[in-house]
Every structure is written in structure tokens, then in C-alpha cells.
Amino acid sequence: ISNAMAHADRIRLELACASAFAGKHDPQLDWDVAYHMQAARLLL
């Protein structure tokens, strides 16, 4: 349960980072969005 909660929190953080980068609508940040989305997928 503790490990699952830690994973869920890390997923939330990765998605928040991806969302923040995507919200800037800057094509130069696409790599950062993809990086954090992939990290969230792996954590999921």
C-alpha cells in the first residue's frame, strides 16, 4: 500500500510537470512534455 501510494504520487508529479510544460504552448518544450508523459507511463 505504501509503495502504491508513492507510485501514485510520483505519477501525479510527472503529469503536473507535463501539463505545466504543455501549457506554455512552446514547441521547443515538446521534448519535456514527452519525457514527463513517458515517465508517468513507466510509473503507471
PDB file of all heavy atoms in Angstrom:
ATOM      1  N   ILE A   1       0.835  -1.202   0.000  1.00  0.00           N
ATOM      2  CA  ILE A   1       0.000   0.000   0.000  1.00  0.00           C
ATOM      3  C   ILE A   1       0.867   1.248   0.000  1.00  0.00           C
ATOM      4  O   ILE A   1       0.628   2.189  -0.754  1.00  0.00           O
ATOM      5  CB  ILE A   1      -0.965  -0.004   1.194  1.00  0.00           C
ATOM      6  CG1 ILE A   1      -1.987  -1.128   1.022  1.00  0.00           C
ATOM      7  CG2 ILE A   1      -1.657   1.339   1.349  1.00  0.00           C
ATOM      8  CD1 ILE A   1      -2.831  -1.395   2.244  1.00  0.00           C
ATOM      9  N   SER A   2       1.912   1.245   0.813  1.00  0.00           N
ATOM     10  CA  SER A   2       2.827   2.380   0.875  1.00  0.00           C
ATOM     11  C   SER A   2       3.525   2.597  -0.470  1.00  0.00           C
ATOM     12  O   SER A   2       3.631   3.730  -0.951  1.00  0.00           O
ATOM     13  CB  SER A   2       3.865   2.153   1.976  1.00  0.00           C
ATOM     14  OG  SER A   2       4.777   3.213   2.024  1.00  0.00           O
ATOM     15  N   ASN A   3       3.989   1.512  -1.082  1.00  0.00           N
ATOM     16  CA  ASN A   3       4.639   1.611  -2.397  1.00  0.00           C
ATOM     17  C   ASN A   3       3.666   2.113  -3.459  1.00  0.00           C
ATOM     18  O   ASN A   3       4.019   2.941  -4.299  1.00  0.00           O
ATOM     19  CB  ASN A   3       5.216   0.258  -2.816  1.00  0.00           C
ATOM     20  CG  ASN A   3       6.434  -0.129  -2.025  1.00  0.00           C
ATOM     21  OD1 ASN A   3       7.052   0.698  -1.358  1.00  0.00           O
ATOM     22  ND2 ASN A   3       6.779  -1.400  -2.070  1.00  0.00           N
ATOM     23  N   ALA A   4       2.433   1.610  -3.424  1.00  0.00           N
ATOM     24  CA  ALA A   4       1.423   2.036  -4.395  1.00  0.00           C
ATOM     25  C   ALA A   4       1.119   3.524  -4.237  1.00  0.00           C
ATOM     26  O   ALA A   4       0.993   4.253  -5.231  1.00  0.00           O
ATOM     27  CB  ALA A   4       0.148   1.210  -4.227  1.00  0.00           C
ATOM     28  N   MET A   5       1.026   3.989  -3.010  1.00  0.00           N
ATOM     29  CA  MET A   5       0.758   5.408  -2.776  1.00  0.00           C
ATOM     30  C   MET A   5       1.926   6.265  -3.250  1.00  0.00           C
ATOM     31  O   MET A   5       1.720   7.341  -3.831  1.00  0.00           O
ATOM     32  CB  MET A   5       0.462   5.639  -1.295  1.00  0.00           C
ATOM     33  CG  MET A   5      -0.883   5.066  -0.876  1.00  0.00           C
ATOM     34  SD  MET A   5      -1.226   5.170   0.892  1.00  0.00           S
ATOM     35  CE  MET A   5      -1.169   6.915   1.167  1.00  0.00           C
ATOM     36  N   ALA A   6       3.139   5.793  -3.048  1.00  0.00           N
ATOM     37  CA  ALA A   6       4.319   6.532  -3.518  1.00  0.00           C
ATOM     38  C   ALA A   6       4.335   6.597  -5.041  1.00  0.00           C
ATOM     39  O   ALA A   6       4.636   7.650  -5.621  1.00  0.00           O
ATOM     40  CB  ALA A   6       5.596   5.874  -2.998  1.00  0.00           C
ATOM     41  N   HIS A   7       4.012   5.482  -5.706  1.00  0.00           N
ATOM     42  CA  HIS A   7       3.945   5.477  -7.167  1.00  0.00           C
ATOM     43  C   HIS A   7       2.880   6.456  -7.653  1.00  0.00           C
ATOM     44  O   HIS A   7       3.109   7.215  -8.601  1.00  0.00           O
ATOM     45  CB  HIS A   7       3.636   4.071  -7.693  1.00  0.00           C
ATOM     46  CG  HIS A   7       4.816   3.187  -7.798  1.00  0.00           C
ATOM     47  ND1 HIS A   7       5.261   2.433  -6.749  1.00  0.00           N
ATOM     48  CD2 HIS A   7       5.655   2.940  -8.830  1.00  0.00           C
ATOM     49  CE1 HIS A   7       6.318   1.752  -7.122  1.00  0.00           C
ATOM     50  NE2 HIS A   7       6.589   2.041  -8.383  1.00  0.00           N
ATOM     51  N   ALA A   8       1.719   6.436  -7.019  1.00  0.00           N
ATOM     52  CA  ALA A   8       0.624   7.331  -7.427  1.00  0.00           C
ATOM     53  C   ALA A   8       1.041   8.791  -7.278  1.00  0.00           C
ATOM     54  O   ALA A   8       0.735   9.621  -8.141  1.00  0.00           O
ATOM     55  CB  ALA A   8      -0.628   7.040  -6.611  1.00  0.00           C
ATOM     56  N   ASP A   9       1.747   9.112  -6.213  1.00  0.00           N
ATOM     57  CA  ASP A   9       2.193  10.489  -6.010  1.00  0.00           C
ATOM     58  C   ASP A   9       3.213  10.896  -7.064  1.00  0.00           C
ATOM     59  O   ASP A   9       3.163  12.014  -7.590  1.00  0.00           O
ATOM     60  CB  ASP A   9       2.782  10.654  -4.606  1.00  0.00           C
ATOM     61  CG  ASP A   9       2.989  12.110  -4.254  1.00  0.00           C
ATOM     62  OD1 ASP A   9       2.038  12.904  -4.442  1.00  0.00           O
ATOM     63  OD2 ASP A   9       4.100  12.465  -3.807  1.00  0.00           O
ATOM     64  N   ARG A  10       4.126   9.991  -7.414  1.00  0.00           N
ATOM     65  CA  ARG A  10       5.116  10.299  -8.452  1.00  0.00           C
ATOM     66  C   ARG A  10       4.449  10.460  -9.818  1.00  0.00           C
ATOM     67  O   ARG A  10       4.843  11.312 -10.609  1.00  0.00           O
ATOM     68  CB  ARG A  10       6.197   9.222  -8.494  1.00  0.00           C
ATOM     69  CG  ARG A  10       7.100   9.297  -7.254  1.00  0.00           C
ATOM     70  CD  ARG A  10       8.171   8.257  -7.242  1.00  0.00           C
ATOM     71  NE  ARG A  10       9.024   8.351  -8.422  1.00  0.00           N
ATOM     72  CZ  ARG A  10       9.761   7.330  -8.864  1.00  0.00           C
ATOM     73  NH1 ARG A  10       9.742   6.170  -8.248  1.00  0.00           N
ATOM     74  NH2 ARG A  10      10.520   7.483  -9.936  1.00  0.00           N
ATOM     75  N   ILE A  11       3.416   9.658 -10.089  1.00  0.00           N
ATOM     76  CA  ILE A  11       2.660   9.800 -11.345  1.00  0.00           C
ATOM     77  C   ILE A  11       2.016  11.179 -11.392  1.00  0.00           C
ATOM     78  O   ILE A  11       2.076  11.874 -12.406  1.00  0.00           O
ATOM     79  CB  ILE A  11       1.604   8.684 -11.487  1.00  0.00           C
ATOM     80  CG1 ILE A  11       2.279   7.338 -11.707  1.00  0.00           C
ATOM     81  CG2 ILE A  11       0.638   8.992 -12.626  1.00  0.00           C
ATOM     82  CD1 ILE A  11       1.350   6.145 -11.572  1.00  0.00           C
ATOM     83  N   ARG A  12       1.408  11.584 -10.274  1.00  0.00           N
ATOM     84  CA  ARG A  12       0.780  12.910 -10.196  1.00  0.00           C
ATOM     85  C   ARG A  12       1.802  14.005 -10.485  1.00  0.00           C
ATOM     86  O   ARG A  12       1.515  14.937 -11.247  1.00  0.00           O
ATOM     87  CB  ARG A  12       0.156  13.117  -8.815  1.00  0.00           C
ATOM     88  CG  ARG A  12      -0.545  14.458  -8.660  1.00  0.00           C
ATOM     89  CD  ARG A  12      -0.932  14.729  -7.220  1.00  0.00           C
ATOM     90  NE  ARG A  12       0.191  14.758  -6.300  1.00  0.00           N
ATOM     91  CZ  ARG A  12       1.030  15.802  -6.169  1.00  0.00           C
ATOM     92  NH1 ARG A  12       0.873  16.879  -6.890  1.00  0.00           N
ATOM     93  NH2 ARG A  12       2.017  15.751  -5.302  1.00  0.00           N
ATOM     94  N   LEU A  13       2.984  13.898  -9.915  1.00  0.00           N
ATOM     95  CA  LEU A  13       4.021  14.909 -10.141  1.00  0.00           C
ATOM     96  C   LEU A  13       4.477  14.950 -11.597  1.00  0.00           C
ATOM     97  O   LEU A  13       4.662  16.031 -12.169  1.00  0.00           O
ATOM     98  CB  LEU A  13       5.216  14.655  -9.213  1.00  0.00           C
ATOM     99  CG  LEU A  13       4.974  14.911  -7.734  1.00  0.00           C
ATOM    100  CD1 LEU A  13       6.172  14.430  -6.906  1.00  0.00           C
ATOM    101  CD2 LEU A  13       4.706  16.377  -7.481  1.00  0.00           C
ATOM    102  N   GLU A  14       4.673  13.774 -12.202  1.00  0.00           N
ATOM    103  CA  GLU A  14       5.099  13.734 -13.608  1.00  0.00           C
ATOM    104  C   GLU A  14       4.033  14.341 -14.516  1.00  0.00           C
ATOM    105  O   GLU A  14       4.344  15.093 -15.443  1.00  0.00           O
ATOM    106  CB  GLU A  14       5.417  12.299 -14.046  1.00  0.00           C
ATOM    107  CG  GLU A  14       6.657  11.716 -13.420  1.00  0.00           C
ATOM    108  CD  GLU A  14       7.947  12.420 -13.803  1.00  0.00           C
ATOM    109  OE1 GLU A  14       7.984  13.204 -14.772  1.00  0.00           O
ATOM    110  OE2 GLU A  14       8.950  12.189 -13.103  1.00  0.00           O
ATOM    111  N   LEU A  15       2.765  14.023 -14.252  1.00  0.00           N
ATOM    112  CA  LEU A  15       1.692  14.588 -15.072  1.00  0.00           C
ATOM    113  C   LEU A  15       1.557  16.096 -14.857  1.00  0.00           C
ATOM    114  O   LEU A  15       1.267  16.839 -15.804  1.00  0.00           O
ATOM    115  CB  LEU A  15       0.367  13.879 -14.790  1.00  0.00           C
ATOM    116  CG  LEU A  15       0.305  12.416 -15.242  1.00  0.00           C
ATOM    117  CD1 LEU A  15      -0.997  11.785 -14.798  1.00  0.00           C
ATOM    118  CD2 LEU A  15       0.500  12.301 -16.744  1.00  0.00           C
ATOM    119  N   ALA A  16       1.791  16.556 -13.639  1.00  0.00           N
ATOM    120  CA  ALA A  16       1.756  18.002 -13.369  1.00  0.00           C
ATOM    121  C   ALA A  16       2.877  18.709 -14.135  1.00  0.00           C
ATOM    122  O   ALA A  16       2.660  19.783 -14.707  1.00  0.00           O
ATOM    123  CB  ALA A  16       1.876  18.267 -11.877  1.00  0.00           C
ATOM    124  N   CYS A  17       4.063  18.109 -14.169  1.00  0.00           N
ATOM    125  CA  CYS A  17       5.178  18.700 -14.929  1.00  0.00           C
ATOM    126  C   CYS A  17       4.855  18.735 -16.417  1.00  0.00           C
ATOM    127  O   CYS A  17       5.070  19.750 -17.083  1.00  0.00           O
ATOM    128  CB  CYS A  17       6.466  17.912 -14.697  1.00  0.00           C
ATOM    129  SG  CYS A  17       7.204  18.158 -13.084  1.00  0.00           S
ATOM    130  N   ALA A  18       4.342  17.615 -16.947  1.00  0.00           N
ATOM    131  CA  ALA A  18       3.991  17.563 -18.364  1.00  0.00           C
ATOM    132  C   ALA A  18       2.946  18.612 -18.690  1.00  0.00           C
ATOM    133  O   ALA A  18       3.039  19.313 -19.705  1.00  0.00           O
ATOM    134  CB  ALA A  18       3.486  16.168 -18.736  1.00  0.00           C
ATOM    135  N   SER A  19       1.964  18.750 -17.829  1.00  0.00           N
ATOM    136  CA  SER A  19       0.900  19.729 -18.036  1.00  0.00           C
ATOM    137  C   SER A  19       1.453  21.158 -18.009  1.00  0.00           C
ATOM    138  O   SER A  19       1.062  22.005 -18.820  1.00  0.00           O
ATOM    139  CB  SER A  19      -0.171  19.556 -16.968  1.00  0.00           C
ATOM    140  OG  SER A  19      -1.190  20.505 -17.126  1.00  0.00           O
ATOM    141  N   ALA A  20       2.364  21.428 -17.094  1.00  0.00           N
ATOM    142  CA  ALA A  20       2.950  22.771 -16.999  1.00  0.00           C
ATOM    143  C   ALA A  20       3.728  23.117 -18.262  1.00  0.00           C
ATOM    144  O   ALA A  20       3.611  24.225 -18.794  1.00  0.00           O
ATOM    145  CB  ALA A  20       3.862  22.858 -15.778  1.00  0.00           C
ATOM    146  N   PHE A  21       4.522  22.166 -18.763  1.00  0.00           N
ATOM    147  CA  PHE A  21       5.271  22.420 -19.996  1.00  0.00           C
ATOM    148  C   PHE A  21       4.328  22.573 -21.182  1.00  0.00           C
ATOM    149  O   PHE A  21       4.514  23.453 -22.022  1.00  0.00           O
ATOM    150  CB  PHE A  21       6.277  21.291 -20.268  1.00  0.00           C
ATOM    151  CG  PHE A  21       7.526  21.379 -19.451  1.00  0.00           C
ATOM    152  CD1 PHE A  21       7.890  20.361 -18.592  1.00  0.00           C
ATOM    153  CD2 PHE A  21       8.362  22.484 -19.544  1.00  0.00           C
ATOM    154  CE1 PHE A  21       9.041  20.430 -17.832  1.00  0.00           C
ATOM    155  CE2 PHE A  21       9.527  22.575 -18.792  1.00  0.00           C
ATOM    156  CZ  PHE A  21       9.865  21.536 -17.931  1.00  0.00           C
ATOM    157  N   ALA A  22       3.303  21.715 -21.267  1.00  0.00           N
ATOM    158  CA  ALA A  22       2.361  21.775 -22.389  1.00  0.00           C
ATOM    159  C   ALA A  22       1.575  23.080 -22.363  1.00  0.00           C
ATOM    160  O   ALA A  22       1.238  23.632 -23.415  1.00  0.00           O
ATOM    161  CB  ALA A  22       1.409  20.589 -22.333  1.00  0.00           C
ATOM    162  N   GLY A  23       1.288  23.593 -21.179  1.00  0.00           N
ATOM    163  CA  GLY A  23       0.521  24.821 -21.038  1.00  0.00           C
ATOM    164  C   GLY A  23       1.224  26.052 -21.585  1.00  0.00           C
ATOM    165  O   GLY A  23       0.586  27.078 -21.838  1.00  0.00           O
ATOM    166  N   LYS A  24       2.528  25.944 -21.782  1.00  0.00           N
ATOM    167  CA  LYS A  24       3.284  27.083 -22.315  1.00  0.00           C
ATOM    168  C   LYS A  24       3.143  27.195 -23.838  1.00  0.00           C
ATOM    169  O   LYS A  24       3.513  28.201 -24.414  1.00  0.00           O
ATOM    170  CB  LYS A  24       4.742  26.976 -21.906  1.00  0.00           C
ATOM    171  CG  LYS A  24       4.918  27.077 -20.402  1.00  0.00           C
ATOM    172  CD  LYS A  24       6.364  27.251 -20.032  1.00  0.00           C
ATOM    173  CE  LYS A  24       6.549  27.287 -18.543  1.00  0.00           C
ATOM    174  NZ  LYS A  24       5.932  28.419 -17.887  1.00  0.00           N
ATOM    175  N   HIS A  25       2.624  26.145 -24.480  1.00  0.00           N
ATOM    176  CA  HIS A  25       2.394  26.138 -25.934  1.00  0.00           C
ATOM    177  C   HIS A  25       3.655  26.526 -26.712  1.00  0.00           C
ATOM    178  O   HIS A  25       3.598  27.268 -27.687  1.00  0.00           O
ATOM    179  CB  HIS A  25       1.225  27.065 -26.316  1.00  0.00           C
ATOM    180  CG  HIS A  25      -0.032  26.730 -25.612  1.00  0.00           C
ATOM    181  ND1 HIS A  25      -0.781  25.621 -25.922  1.00  0.00           N
ATOM    182  CD2 HIS A  25      -0.672  27.338 -24.585  1.00  0.00           C
ATOM    183  CE1 HIS A  25      -1.828  25.565 -25.119  1.00  0.00           C
ATOM    184  NE2 HIS A  25      -1.789  26.591 -24.301  1.00  0.00           N
ATOM    185  N   ASP A  26       4.790  26.023 -26.262  1.00  0.00           N
ATOM    186  CA  ASP A  26       6.071  26.306 -26.908  1.00  0.00           C
ATOM    187  C   ASP A  26       6.587  25.006 -27.522  1.00  0.00           C
ATOM    188  O   ASP A  26       6.897  24.063 -26.795  1.00  0.00           O
ATOM    189  CB  ASP A  26       7.063  26.835 -25.865  1.00  0.00           C
ATOM    190  CG  ASP A  26       8.400  27.222 -26.460  1.00  0.00           C
ATOM    191  OD1 ASP A  26       8.686  26.852 -27.623  1.00  0.00           O
ATOM    192  OD2 ASP A  26       9.177  27.891 -25.752  1.00  0.00           O
ATOM    193  N   PRO A  27       6.692  24.930 -28.850  1.00  0.00           N
ATOM    194  CA  PRO A  27       7.155  23.705 -29.493  1.00  0.00           C
ATOM    195  C   PRO A  27       8.531  23.241 -28.999  1.00  0.00           C
ATOM    196  O   PRO A  27       8.838  22.061 -29.042  1.00  0.00           O
ATOM    197  CB  PRO A  27       7.214  24.061 -30.982  1.00  0.00           C
ATOM    198  CG  PRO A  27       6.303  25.222 -31.134  1.00  0.00           C
ATOM    199  CD  PRO A  27       6.343  25.963 -29.828  1.00  0.00           C
ATOM    200  N   GLN A  28       9.332  24.160 -28.514  1.00  0.00           N
ATOM    201  CA  GLN A  28      10.654  23.781 -28.006  1.00  0.00           C
ATOM    202  C   GLN A  28      10.545  22.963 -26.721  1.00  0.00           C
ATOM    203  O   GLN A  28      11.507  22.321 -26.319  1.00  0.00           O
ATOM    204  CB  GLN A  28      11.511  25.020 -27.772  1.00  0.00           C
ATOM    205  CG  GLN A  28      11.896  25.724 -29.064  1.00  0.00           C
ATOM    206  CD  GLN A  28      12.790  26.929 -28.817  1.00  0.00           C
ATOM    207  OE1 GLN A  28      12.863  27.445 -27.720  1.00  0.00           O
ATOM    208  NE2 GLN A  28      13.467  27.351 -29.866  1.00  0.00           N
ATOM    209  N   LEU A  29       9.385  22.981 -26.072  1.00  0.00           N
ATOM    210  CA  LEU A  29       9.195  22.227 -24.838  1.00  0.00           C
ATOM    211  C   LEU A  29       8.531  20.868 -25.077  1.00  0.00           C
ATOM    212  O   LEU A  29       8.278  20.127 -24.135  1.00  0.00           O
ATOM    213  CB  LEU A  29       8.369  23.047 -23.846  1.00  0.00           C
ATOM    214  CG  LEU A  29       8.995  24.363 -23.383  1.00  0.00           C
ATOM    215  CD1 LEU A  29       8.038  25.120 -22.476  1.00  0.00           C
ATOM    216  CD2 LEU A  29      10.323  24.118 -22.687  1.00  0.00           C
ATOM    217  N   ASP A  30       8.283  20.515 -26.343  1.00  0.00           N
ATOM    218  CA  ASP A  30       7.634  19.243 -26.656  1.00  0.00           C
ATOM    219  C   ASP A  30       8.422  18.058 -26.104  1.00  0.00           C
ATOM    220  O   ASP A  30       7.848  17.080 -25.633  1.00  0.00           O
ATOM    221  CB  ASP A  30       7.440  19.069 -28.164  1.00  0.00           C
ATOM    222  CG  ASP A  30       6.323  19.947 -28.705  1.00  0.00           C
ATOM    223  OD1 ASP A  30       5.579  20.544 -27.893  1.00  0.00           O
ATOM    224  OD2 ASP A  30       6.202  20.044 -29.939  1.00  0.00           O
ATOM    225  N   TRP A  31       9.756  18.148 -26.155  1.00  0.00           N
ATOM    226  CA  TRP A  31      10.583  17.062 -25.630  1.00  0.00           C
ATOM    227  C   TRP A  31      10.327  16.890 -24.138  1.00  0.00           C
ATOM    228  O   TRP A  31      10.203  15.766 -23.649  1.00  0.00           O
ATOM    229  CB  TRP A  31      12.069  17.349 -25.875  1.00  0.00           C
ATOM    230  CG  TRP A  31      12.937  16.217 -25.431  1.00  0.00           C
ATOM    231  CD1 TRP A  31      13.339  15.145 -26.179  1.00  0.00           C
ATOM    232  CD2 TRP A  31      13.496  16.004 -24.124  1.00  0.00           C
ATOM    233  NE1 TRP A  31      14.108  14.288 -25.431  1.00  0.00           N
ATOM    234  CE2 TRP A  31      14.220  14.801 -24.153  1.00  0.00           C
ATOM    235  CE3 TRP A  31      13.445  16.712 -22.929  1.00  0.00           C
ATOM    236  CZ2 TRP A  31      14.885  14.290 -23.051  1.00  0.00           C
ATOM    237  CZ3 TRP A  31      14.113  16.208 -21.826  1.00  0.00           C
ATOM    238  CH2 TRP A  31      14.826  15.009 -21.893  1.00  0.00           C
ATOM    239  N   ASP A  32      10.218  17.981 -23.413  1.00  0.00           N
ATOM    240  CA  ASP A  32       9.981  17.916 -21.968  1.00  0.00           C
ATOM    241  C   ASP A  32       8.622  17.292 -21.664  1.00  0.00           C
ATOM    242  O   ASP A  32       8.495  16.495 -20.730  1.00  0.00           O
ATOM    243  CB  ASP A  32      10.061  19.312 -21.348  1.00  0.00           C
ATOM    244  CG  ASP A  32      11.438  19.927 -21.510  1.00  0.00           C
ATOM    245  OD1 ASP A  32      12.354  19.496 -20.793  1.00  0.00           O
ATOM    246  OD2 ASP A  32      11.589  20.810 -22.362  1.00  0.00           O
ATOM    247  N   VAL A  33       7.621  17.659 -22.450  1.00  0.00           N
ATOM    248  CA  VAL A  33       6.283  17.080 -22.271  1.00  0.00           C
ATOM    249  C   VAL A  33       6.350  15.569 -22.490  1.00  0.00           C
ATOM    250  O   VAL A  33       5.871  14.782 -21.663  1.00  0.00           O
ATOM    251  CB  VAL A  33       5.260  17.723 -23.231  1.00  0.00           C
ATOM    252  CG1 VAL A  33       3.913  16.999 -23.159  1.00  0.00           C
ATOM    253  CG2 VAL A  33       5.088  19.203 -22.932  1.00  0.00           C
ATOM    254  N   ALA A  34       6.984  15.156 -23.582  1.00  0.00           N
ATOM    255  CA  ALA A  34       7.095  13.733 -23.903  1.00  0.00           C
ATOM    256  C   ALA A  34       7.870  12.980 -22.821  1.00  0.00           C
ATOM    257  O   ALA A  34       7.490  11.860 -22.440  1.00  0.00           O
ATOM    258  CB  ALA A  34       7.769  13.553 -25.265  1.00  0.00           C
ATOM    259  N   TYR A  35       8.933  13.587 -22.309  1.00  0.00           N
ATOM    260  CA  TYR A  35       9.739  12.960 -21.259  1.00  0.00           C
ATOM    261  C   TYR A  35       8.894  12.680 -20.014  1.00  0.00           C
ATOM    262  O   TYR A  35       8.910  11.573 -19.475  1.00  0.00           O
ATOM    263  CB  TYR A  35      10.931  13.855 -20.904  1.00  0.00           C
ATOM    264  CG  TYR A  35      11.735  13.342 -19.742  1.00  0.00           C
ATOM    265  CD1 TYR A  35      12.749  12.407 -19.943  1.00  0.00           C
ATOM    266  CD2 TYR A  35      11.469  13.762 -18.441  1.00  0.00           C
ATOM    267  CE1 TYR A  35      13.480  11.917 -18.881  1.00  0.00           C
ATOM    268  CE2 TYR A  35      12.197  13.267 -17.371  1.00  0.00           C
ATOM    269  CZ  TYR A  35      13.197  12.351 -17.591  1.00  0.00           C
ATOM    270  OH  TYR A  35      13.911  11.864 -16.532  1.00  0.00           O
ATOM    271  N   HIS A  36       8.158  13.679 -19.565  1.00  0.00           N
ATOM    272  CA  HIS A  36       7.364  13.514 -18.349  1.00  0.00           C
ATOM    273  C   HIS A  36       6.170  12.588 -18.566  1.00  0.00           C
ATOM    274  O   HIS A  36       5.778  11.844 -17.658  1.00  0.00           O
ATOM    275  CB  HIS A  36       6.922  14.873 -17.800  1.00  0.00           C
ATOM    276  CG  HIS A  36       8.057  15.647 -17.221  1.00  0.00           C
ATOM    277  ND1 HIS A  36       8.661  15.309 -16.038  1.00  0.00           N
ATOM    278  CD2 HIS A  36       8.724  16.730 -17.686  1.00  0.00           C
ATOM    279  CE1 HIS A  36       9.650  16.152 -15.786  1.00  0.00           C
ATOM    280  NE2 HIS A  36       9.702  17.024 -16.775  1.00  0.00           N
ATOM    281  N   MET A  37       5.590  12.587 -19.766  1.00  0.00           N
ATOM    282  CA  MET A  37       4.499  11.661 -20.067  1.00  0.00           C
ATOM    283  C   MET A  37       5.018  10.219 -20.073  1.00  0.00           C
ATOM    284  O   MET A  37       4.368   9.314 -19.545  1.00  0.00           O
ATOM    285  CB  MET A  37       3.856  11.999 -21.413  1.00  0.00           C
ATOM    286  CG  MET A  37       3.069  13.299 -21.412  1.00  0.00           C
ATOM    287  SD  MET A  37       1.692  13.314 -20.239  1.00  0.00           S
ATOM    288  CE  MET A  37       0.641  12.076 -20.954  1.00  0.00           C
ATOM    289  N   GLN A  38       6.202  10.004 -20.654  1.00  0.00           N
ATOM    290  CA  GLN A  38       6.787   8.659 -20.662  1.00  0.00           C
ATOM    291  C   GLN A  38       7.120   8.212 -19.242  1.00  0.00           C
ATOM    292  O   GLN A  38       6.894   7.059 -18.877  1.00  0.00           O
ATOM    293  CB  GLN A  38       8.038   8.610 -21.546  1.00  0.00           C
ATOM    294  CG  GLN A  38       8.697   7.246 -21.603  1.00  0.00           C
ATOM    295  CD  GLN A  38       7.819   6.159 -22.182  1.00  0.00           C
ATOM    296  OE1 GLN A  38       6.847   6.416 -22.887  1.00  0.00           O
ATOM    297  NE2 GLN A  38       8.145   4.922 -21.884  1.00  0.00           N
ATOM    298  N   ALA A  39       7.635   9.123 -18.423  1.00  0.00           N
ATOM    299  CA  ALA A  39       7.929   8.789 -17.030  1.00  0.00           C
ATOM    300  C   ALA A  39       6.648   8.377 -16.305  1.00  0.00           C
ATOM    301  O   ALA A  39       6.640   7.400 -15.546  1.00  0.00           O
ATOM    302  CB  ALA A  39       8.591   9.969 -16.327  1.00  0.00           C
ATOM    303  N   ALA A  40       5.559   9.094 -16.559  1.00  0.00           N
ATOM    304  CA  ALA A  40       4.271   8.753 -15.932  1.00  0.00           C
ATOM    305  C   ALA A  40       3.794   7.378 -16.406  1.00  0.00           C
ATOM    306  O   ALA A  40       3.274   6.589 -15.605  1.00  0.00           O
ATOM    307  CB  ALA A  40       3.225   9.826 -16.246  1.00  0.00           C
ATOM    308  N   ARG A  41       3.983   7.078 -17.692  1.00  0.00           N
ATOM    309  CA  ARG A  41       3.579   5.763 -18.215  1.00  0.00           C
ATOM    310  C   ARG A  41       4.353   4.640 -17.524  1.00  0.00           C
ATOM    311  O   ARG A  41       3.798   3.614 -17.146  1.00  0.00           O
ATOM    312  CB  ARG A  41       3.810   5.681 -19.723  1.00  0.00           C
ATOM    313  CG  ARG A  41       2.809   6.427 -20.546  1.00  0.00           C
ATOM    314  CD  ARG A  41       3.054   6.208 -22.049  1.00  0.00           C
ATOM    315  NE  ARG A  41       2.326   7.175 -22.798  1.00  0.00           N
ATOM    316  CZ  ARG A  41       2.839   8.299 -23.303  1.00  0.00           C
ATOM    317  NH1 ARG A  41       4.112   8.583 -23.138  1.00  0.00           N
ATOM    318  NH2 ARG A  41       2.081   9.140 -23.972  1.00  0.00           N
ATOM    319  N   LEU A  42       5.667   4.835 -17.391  1.00  0.00           N
ATOM    320  CA  LEU A  42       6.502   3.819 -16.746  1.00  0.00           C
ATOM    321  C   LEU A  42       6.103   3.636 -15.279  1.00  0.00           C
ATOM    322  O   LEU A  42       6.056   2.510 -14.772  1.00  0.00           O
ATOM    323  CB  LEU A  42       7.977   4.186 -16.866  1.00  0.00           C
ATOM    324  CG  LEU A  42       8.546   4.164 -18.284  1.00  0.00           C
ATOM    325  CD1 LEU A  42       9.968   4.719 -18.302  1.00  0.00           C
ATOM    326  CD2 LEU A  42       8.509   2.760 -18.861  1.00  0.00           C
ATOM    327  N   LEU A  43       5.821   4.731 -14.615  1.00  0.00           N
ATOM    328  CA  LEU A  43       5.388   4.651 -13.216  1.00  0.00           C
ATOM    329  C   LEU A  43       4.027   3.972 -13.099  1.00  0.00           C
ATOM    330  O   LEU A  43       3.782   3.218 -12.156  1.00  0.00           O
ATOM    331  CB  LEU A  43       5.341   6.044 -12.594  1.00  0.00           C
ATOM    332  CG  LEU A  43       6.705   6.667 -12.304  1.00  0.00           C
ATOM    333  CD1 LEU A  43       6.551   8.157 -12.013  1.00  0.00           C
ATOM    334  CD2 LEU A  43       7.380   5.959 -11.145  1.00  0.00           C
ATOM    335  N   LEU A  44       3.142   4.226 -14.063  1.00  0.00           N
ATOM    336  CA  LEU A  44       1.838   3.565 -14.058  1.00  0.00           C
ATOM    337  C   LEU A  44       2.003   2.060 -14.233  1.00  0.00           C
ATOM    338  O   LEU A  44       1.347   1.268 -13.547  1.00  0.00           O
ATOM    339  CB  LEU A  44       0.936   4.140 -15.155  1.00  0.00           C
ATOM    340  CG  LEU A  44      -0.466   3.553 -15.244  1.00  0.00           C
ATOM    341  CD1 LEU A  44      -1.237   3.794 -13.946  1.00  0.00           C
ATOM    342  CD2 LEU A  44      -1.217   4.145 -16.422  1.00  0.00           C
TER     343      LEU A  44
END
